[in-house]
Structures are given as C-alpha cells and as structure tokens.
C-alpha cells in the first residue's frame, strides 16, 4: 500500500467521557485482544493472532458498537473475527460484549483499517463486512468515503478466492456510488442485492435507528473472483 498520508474515512476518535467501569476495559481487556503489528515484519497470517487457530478469519471494518461482530462471533465459534474501529467508545462497547458473552474468538484493531490490510497475508480473509460506512454526503467530503478504488484493491488482495464481501448503506447516493465502483473492480463481482437483511445478517444499533428515521437500507453481497 502507499506510504502517503491516508485521508481519514472516519470522524472523531472519542465521544463522551467513558464511565470508570467501561474505561477500565481499555486497560484490562483491550491489551489481550488488541492487534499490534510492528512495522517491517513480513505479512501476517491472521489465524496466528488467535490463541487457538480458527477454521478461517472474517474481518469487519468499522464495527460501530460491535453488535454485528459479537453476534457473528457467538454464532461462529470456530471462526476468528477481526474488528477494525478507531472510535474509542465503539471499541469499549465491543469489549463489553466480549466480557459479557465470554467471546474468545475476537481480535481488535483500534485504528484505520487500511494499514492493517497492508500487513495481512494475501488471500487470508474468508469474509469481510463494511456495514453502513460514513456516507460523507457533502460533495467536498466525497474523498473521505471508504469505498474507493485503492481501498477495494487492498481489500481484494487479502480476500481468498470465493470470499464474500458484505456491504450495506442507508444513504441512496452512497449506494449508487458503491454500485459505480465495486462491481466494476476486476477482482469483485456482485452476487446479490437485498432490500431485506438475510437471516445471518443481524441488525446493528445504527441500522435500527436509521430504519426508525424512515430510511431503507440496501444490502450487497460481493464475491472475490
């Protein structure tokens, strides 16, 4: 990947001040689950990041409050889940799910996902999720949208042949933006477009709020060629 400064596709890194009990999770649980990949080392097989090597590894980029990631981890205990999220409050929310549900198959990259993509071994991820990324609706902010050709190149590099890439948005303009970019990527093909979530695709907290506001999300499934 390029070494030039990345344009952030996310907003703030911190929200309201955390309560003491939740803030403590950053000191006690995050060091156990956080991913640290020193610069200069060779590409990493993500299965080695888990105490017990999982059957395969899935990746969620921008997991928000962690509801979807925790649900998938609970339903798929033989799969390793890597979650990427720079927003501290979201990381703490996921840590709470891990603690409360006793989830042992989650690892966390609490930063921009793109440097991590550059460090993972090629064809090492069996499924990826980008659910409701920030649409950056103003035209002058479109350069911050995550779904761009360089990101798709980096993601396709780490996806295994036949791997699924799930994508969702509740913003009509961003849906069109996605359709103009993802299906034409040489390594990705559109497998399905849904107006209702499949059964193995749980609702996120943001999605529930969005639907309550009258928006209609669109869901996509792409496959790595």
Foldseek 3Di string as FASTA:
>chain_A
DDPDDDQALDDDQEDDDDDPVLVVCVVPPQVVFEDDDDPPDAADQVLVSAPHRAPAEEEEEACALVPQVLLVCVVRVRYAYEYEAQHPNSVSSNSVSCVVVVRRRYHYHNDHCQVVLVRHAFQRHQEYEYEARPCLPDPVCNSSNCPDVVNLVSVLRRHHAFHKYKYKHQDVVVVVVNVVRACPPPFKHWDDKDQDDDPSGDDDPVNVVSVVVVTGMIMTIMGGD
